[in-house]
Amino acid sequence: MSEHLRTQIDQEFELFTRRNFESPTSCRNLDQIRFYVHELCLKIDELESRFHYVPHGAFTLLAQYNACQNNMSHVDFRDL
């Protein structure tokens, strides 16, 4: 895969996430985060199957959503 194609995929992914996703820290409930995690996983699978390449930012964003999800889950359990 050429460096130009990787750069193009990276830019298109960044644009896609800016248009379709809220920042993980802006999410206010678990359902919202779970929706974004699901959609992000679908996008990662699509990129992997089409290009055999996934931008590093996709996994970084997924990790951020998972961290927020874990924090919200721990707050729920702490209140029990």
N, C-alpha and C. Protein backbone atom coordinates (compact mmCIF):
# COMPACT_ATOMS: atom_id res chain seq x y z
N MET A 1 0.84 -1.17 0.00
CA MET A 1 0.00 0.00 0.00
C MET A 1 0.89 1.23 0.00
N SER A 2 0.54 2.17 -0.83
CA SER A 2 1.36 3.37 -0.94
C SER A 2 1.12 4.30 0.25
N GLU A 3 2.10 5.13 0.49
CA GLU A 3 2.00 6.11 1.58
C GLU A 3 0.87 7.11 1.29
N HIS A 4 0.69 7.43 0.03
CA HIS A 4 -0.38 8.35 -0.36
C HIS A 4 -1.75 7.78 0.01
N LEU A 5 -1.97 6.49 -0.27
CA LEU A 5 -3.25 5.85 0.05
C LEU A 5 -3.47 5.81 1.56
N ARG A 6 -2.43 5.51 2.31
CA ARG A 6 -2.55 5.50 3.78
C ARG A 6 -2.93 6.88 4.31
N THR A 7 -2.29 7.89 3.78
CA THR A 7 -2.59 9.26 4.20
C THR A 7 -4.03 9.62 3.86
N GLN A 8 -4.48 9.20 2.70
CA GLN A 8 -5.85 9.47 2.28
C GLN A 8 -6.85 8.75 3.19
N ILE A 9 -6.58 7.51 3.52
CA ILE A 9 -7.45 6.75 4.42
C ILE A 9 -7.48 7.41 5.80
N ASP A 10 -6.31 7.82 6.29
CA ASP A 10 -6.24 8.50 7.58
C ASP A 10 -7.10 9.77 7.58
N GLN A 11 -6.98 10.56 6.54
CA GLN A 11 -7.73 11.81 6.46
C GLN A 11 -9.23 11.56 6.34
N GLU A 12 -9.62 10.57 5.55
CA GLU A 12 -11.04 10.26 5.40
C GLU A 12 -11.62 9.72 6.71
N PHE A 13 -10.83 8.94 7.44
CA PHE A 13 -11.29 8.43 8.73
C PHE A 13 -11.47 9.57 9.72
N GLU A 14 -10.53 10.49 9.76
CA GLU A 14 -10.62 11.63 10.67
C GLU A 14 -11.85 12.47 10.35
N LEU A 15 -12.11 12.71 9.09
CA LEU A 15 -13.28 13.47 8.68
C LEU A 15 -14.56 12.72 9.07
N PHE A 16 -14.59 11.43 8.85
CA PHE A 16 -15.73 10.59 9.21
C PHE A 16 -16.03 10.69 10.70
N THR A 17 -15.01 10.59 11.53
CA THR A 17 -15.23 10.62 12.98
C THR A 17 -15.66 12.01 13.45
N ARG A 18 -15.11 13.06 12.85
CA ARG A 18 -15.52 14.42 13.23
C ARG A 18 -16.99 14.67 12.90
N ARG A 19 -17.45 14.12 11.79
CA ARG A 19 -18.84 14.33 11.37
C ARG A 19 -19.83 13.46 12.13
N ASN A 20 -19.42 12.25 12.52
CA ASN A 20 -20.37 11.26 13.01
C ASN A 20 -20.24 10.88 14.48
N PHE A 21 -19.20 11.33 15.15
CA PHE A 21 -18.97 10.91 16.53
C PHE A 21 -18.79 12.12 17.42
N GLU A 22 -19.27 11.99 18.65
CA GLU A 22 -18.95 12.97 19.69
C GLU A 22 -17.66 12.54 20.35
N SER A 23 -16.99 13.47 20.95
CA SER A 23 -15.78 13.11 21.68
C SER A 23 -16.17 12.23 22.87
N PRO A 24 -15.32 11.27 23.23
CA PRO A 24 -15.64 10.38 24.34
C PRO A 24 -15.96 11.14 25.63
N THR A 25 -15.29 12.23 25.89
CA THR A 25 -15.53 12.98 27.12
C THR A 25 -16.85 13.74 27.09
N SER A 26 -17.44 13.91 25.91
CA SER A 26 -18.73 14.59 25.80
C SER A 26 -19.92 13.65 25.98
N CYS A 27 -19.66 12.36 25.95
CA CYS A 27 -20.73 11.38 26.09
C CYS A 27 -21.24 11.38 27.53
N ARG A 28 -22.56 11.28 27.68
CA ARG A 28 -23.17 11.40 29.00
C ARG A 28 -23.81 10.13 29.53
N ASN A 29 -23.92 9.08 28.71
CA ASN A 29 -24.50 7.84 29.23
C ASN A 29 -23.91 6.62 28.53
N LEU A 30 -24.09 5.47 29.15
CA LEU A 30 -23.48 4.25 28.62
C LEU A 30 -24.04 3.85 27.26
N ASP A 31 -25.33 4.05 27.05
CA ASP A 31 -25.91 3.67 25.76
C ASP A 31 -25.29 4.45 24.61
N GLN A 32 -25.04 5.71 24.83
CA GLN A 32 -24.42 6.54 23.80
C GLN A 32 -23.01 6.02 23.50
N ILE A 33 -22.25 5.74 24.52
CA ILE A 33 -20.89 5.24 24.32
C ILE A 33 -20.92 3.88 23.62
N ARG A 34 -21.81 3.01 24.05
CA ARG A 34 -21.91 1.69 23.43
C ARG A 34 -22.27 1.79 21.95
N PHE A 35 -23.13 2.75 21.62
CA PHE A 35 -23.48 2.97 20.21
C PHE A 35 -22.24 3.37 19.42
N TYR A 36 -21.48 4.32 19.94
CA TYR A 36 -20.28 4.78 19.24
C TYR A 36 -19.23 3.67 19.14
N VAL A 37 -19.08 2.86 20.18
CA VAL A 37 -18.14 1.74 20.13
C VAL A 37 -18.55 0.77 19.04
N HIS A 38 -19.84 0.47 18.99
CA HIS A 38 -20.34 -0.45 17.96
C HIS A 38 -20.08 0.09 16.56
N GLU A 39 -20.43 1.35 16.33
CA GLU A 39 -20.23 1.97 15.02
C GLU A 39 -18.75 2.05 14.65
N LEU A 40 -17.92 2.34 15.63
CA LEU A 40 -16.48 2.42 15.38
C LEU A 40 -15.92 1.04 15.03
N CYS A 41 -16.38 0.02 15.71
CA CYS A 41 -15.94 -1.35 15.39
C CYS A 41 -16.35 -1.76 13.98
N LEU A 42 -17.56 -1.36 13.57
CA LEU A 42 -17.99 -1.64 12.20
C LEU A 42 -17.08 -0.94 11.19
N LYS A 43 -16.72 0.30 11.48
CA LYS A 43 -15.85 1.06 10.57
C LYS A 43 -14.46 0.42 10.52
N ILE A 44 -13.94 -0.01 11.65
CA ILE A 44 -12.63 -0.67 11.69
C ILE A 44 -12.68 -1.95 10.86
N ASP A 45 -13.74 -2.74 11.03
CA ASP A 45 -13.88 -3.97 10.23
C ASP A 45 -13.94 -3.67 8.74
N GLU A 46 -14.68 -2.62 8.38
CA GLU A 46 -14.79 -2.23 6.97
C GLU A 46 -13.43 -1.85 6.39
N LEU A 47 -12.69 -1.03 7.12
CA LEU A 47 -11.37 -0.61 6.63
C LEU A 47 -10.42 -1.81 6.53
N GLU A 48 -10.48 -2.69 7.51
CA GLU A 48 -9.60 -3.87 7.49
C GLU A 48 -9.92 -4.76 6.29
N SER A 49 -11.20 -4.96 6.02
CA SER A 49 -11.55 -5.83 4.90
C SER A 49 -11.29 -5.19 3.54
N ARG A 50 -11.49 -3.87 3.43
CA ARG A 50 -11.29 -3.19 2.14
C ARG A 50 -9.82 -2.91 1.84
N PHE A 51 -9.09 -2.46 2.85
CA PHE A 51 -7.73 -1.98 2.60
C PHE A 51 -6.63 -2.75 3.32
N HIS A 52 -7.02 -3.63 4.24
CA HIS A 52 -6.04 -4.32 5.10
C HIS A 52 -5.19 -3.31 5.85
N TYR A 53 -5.85 -2.22 6.21
CA TYR A 53 -5.19 -1.14 6.94
C TYR A 53 -6.23 -0.40 7.76
N VAL A 54 -5.87 -0.11 9.01
CA VAL A 54 -6.74 0.69 9.88
C VAL A 54 -5.88 1.79 10.48
N PRO A 55 -6.31 3.04 10.39
CA PRO A 55 -5.53 4.13 10.98
C PRO A 55 -5.35 3.93 12.49
N HIS A 56 -4.19 4.32 12.97
CA HIS A 56 -3.89 4.21 14.39
C HIS A 56 -4.91 4.98 15.22
N GLY A 57 -5.39 6.09 14.69
CA GLY A 57 -6.38 6.90 15.39
C GLY A 57 -7.67 6.16 15.69
N ALA A 58 -8.01 5.16 14.89
CA ALA A 58 -9.23 4.39 15.14
C ALA A 58 -9.11 3.61 16.44
N PHE A 59 -7.95 3.01 16.65
CA PHE A 59 -7.75 2.24 17.88
C PHE A 59 -7.59 3.15 19.09
N THR A 60 -7.02 4.32 18.87
CA THR A 60 -6.90 5.30 19.95
C THR A 60 -8.28 5.77 20.38
N LEU A 61 -9.12 6.09 19.42
CA LEU A 61 -10.48 6.54 19.71
C LEU A 61 -11.27 5.42 20.40
N LEU A 62 -11.13 4.21 19.94
CA LEU A 62 -11.80 3.08 20.56
C LEU A 62 -11.36 2.91 22.02
N ALA A 63 -10.09 3.06 22.27
CA ALA A 63 -9.58 2.96 23.64
C ALA A 63 -10.15 4.07 24.52
N GLN A 64 -10.30 5.26 23.97
CA GLN A 64 -10.87 6.37 24.74
C GLN A 64 -12.33 6.12 25.08
N TYR A 65 -13.10 5.60 24.11
CA TYR A 65 -14.49 5.26 24.39
C TYR A 65 -14.57 4.15 25.44
N ASN A 66 -13.72 3.16 25.33
CA ASN A 66 -13.73 2.07 26.31
C ASN A 66 -13.37 2.56 27.70
N ALA A 67 -12.43 3.48 27.79
CA ALA A 67 -12.05 4.04 29.10
C ALA A 67 -13.23 4.80 29.71
N CYS A 68 -13.93 5.60 28.90
CA CYS A 68 -15.10 6.32 29.40
C CYS A 68 -16.20 5.35 29.82
N GLN A 69 -16.38 4.30 29.04
CA GLN A 69 -17.38 3.29 29.36
C GLN A 69 -17.04 2.61 30.68
N ASN A 70 -15.78 2.27 30.88
CA ASN A 70 -15.36 1.64 32.13
C ASN A 70 -15.55 2.58 33.31
N ASN A 71 -15.22 3.84 33.14
CA ASN A 71 -15.41 4.81 34.21
C ASN A 71 -16.88 4.94 34.60
N MET A 72 -17.76 5.00 33.60
CA MET A 72 -19.20 5.10 33.89
C MET A 72 -19.72 3.84 34.56
N SER A 73 -19.23 2.69 34.14
CA SER A 73 -19.65 1.43 34.73
C SER A 73 -19.21 1.35 36.18
N HIS A 74 -18.00 1.79 36.47
CA HIS A 74 -17.50 1.75 37.84
C HIS A 74 -18.29 2.68 38.74
N VAL A 75 -18.72 3.82 38.23
CA VAL A 75 -19.54 4.74 39.01
C VAL A 75 -20.87 4.08 39.34
N ASP A 76 -21.47 3.38 38.39
CA ASP A 76 -22.73 2.68 38.64
C ASP A 76 -22.58 1.62 39.73
N PHE A 77 -21.49 0.85 39.70
CA PHE A 77 -21.28 -0.18 40.71
C PHE A 77 -20.94 0.41 42.07
N ARG A 78 -20.25 1.51 42.07
CA ARG A 78 -19.87 2.15 43.32
C ARG A 78 -21.10 2.64 44.07
N ASP A 79 -22.15 3.03 43.32
CA ASP A 79 -23.37 3.53 43.93
C ASP A 79 -24.24 2.43 44.53
N LEU A 80 -23.94 1.18 44.22
CA LEU A 80 -24.76 0.07 44.74
C LEU A 80 -24.51 -0.20 46.18
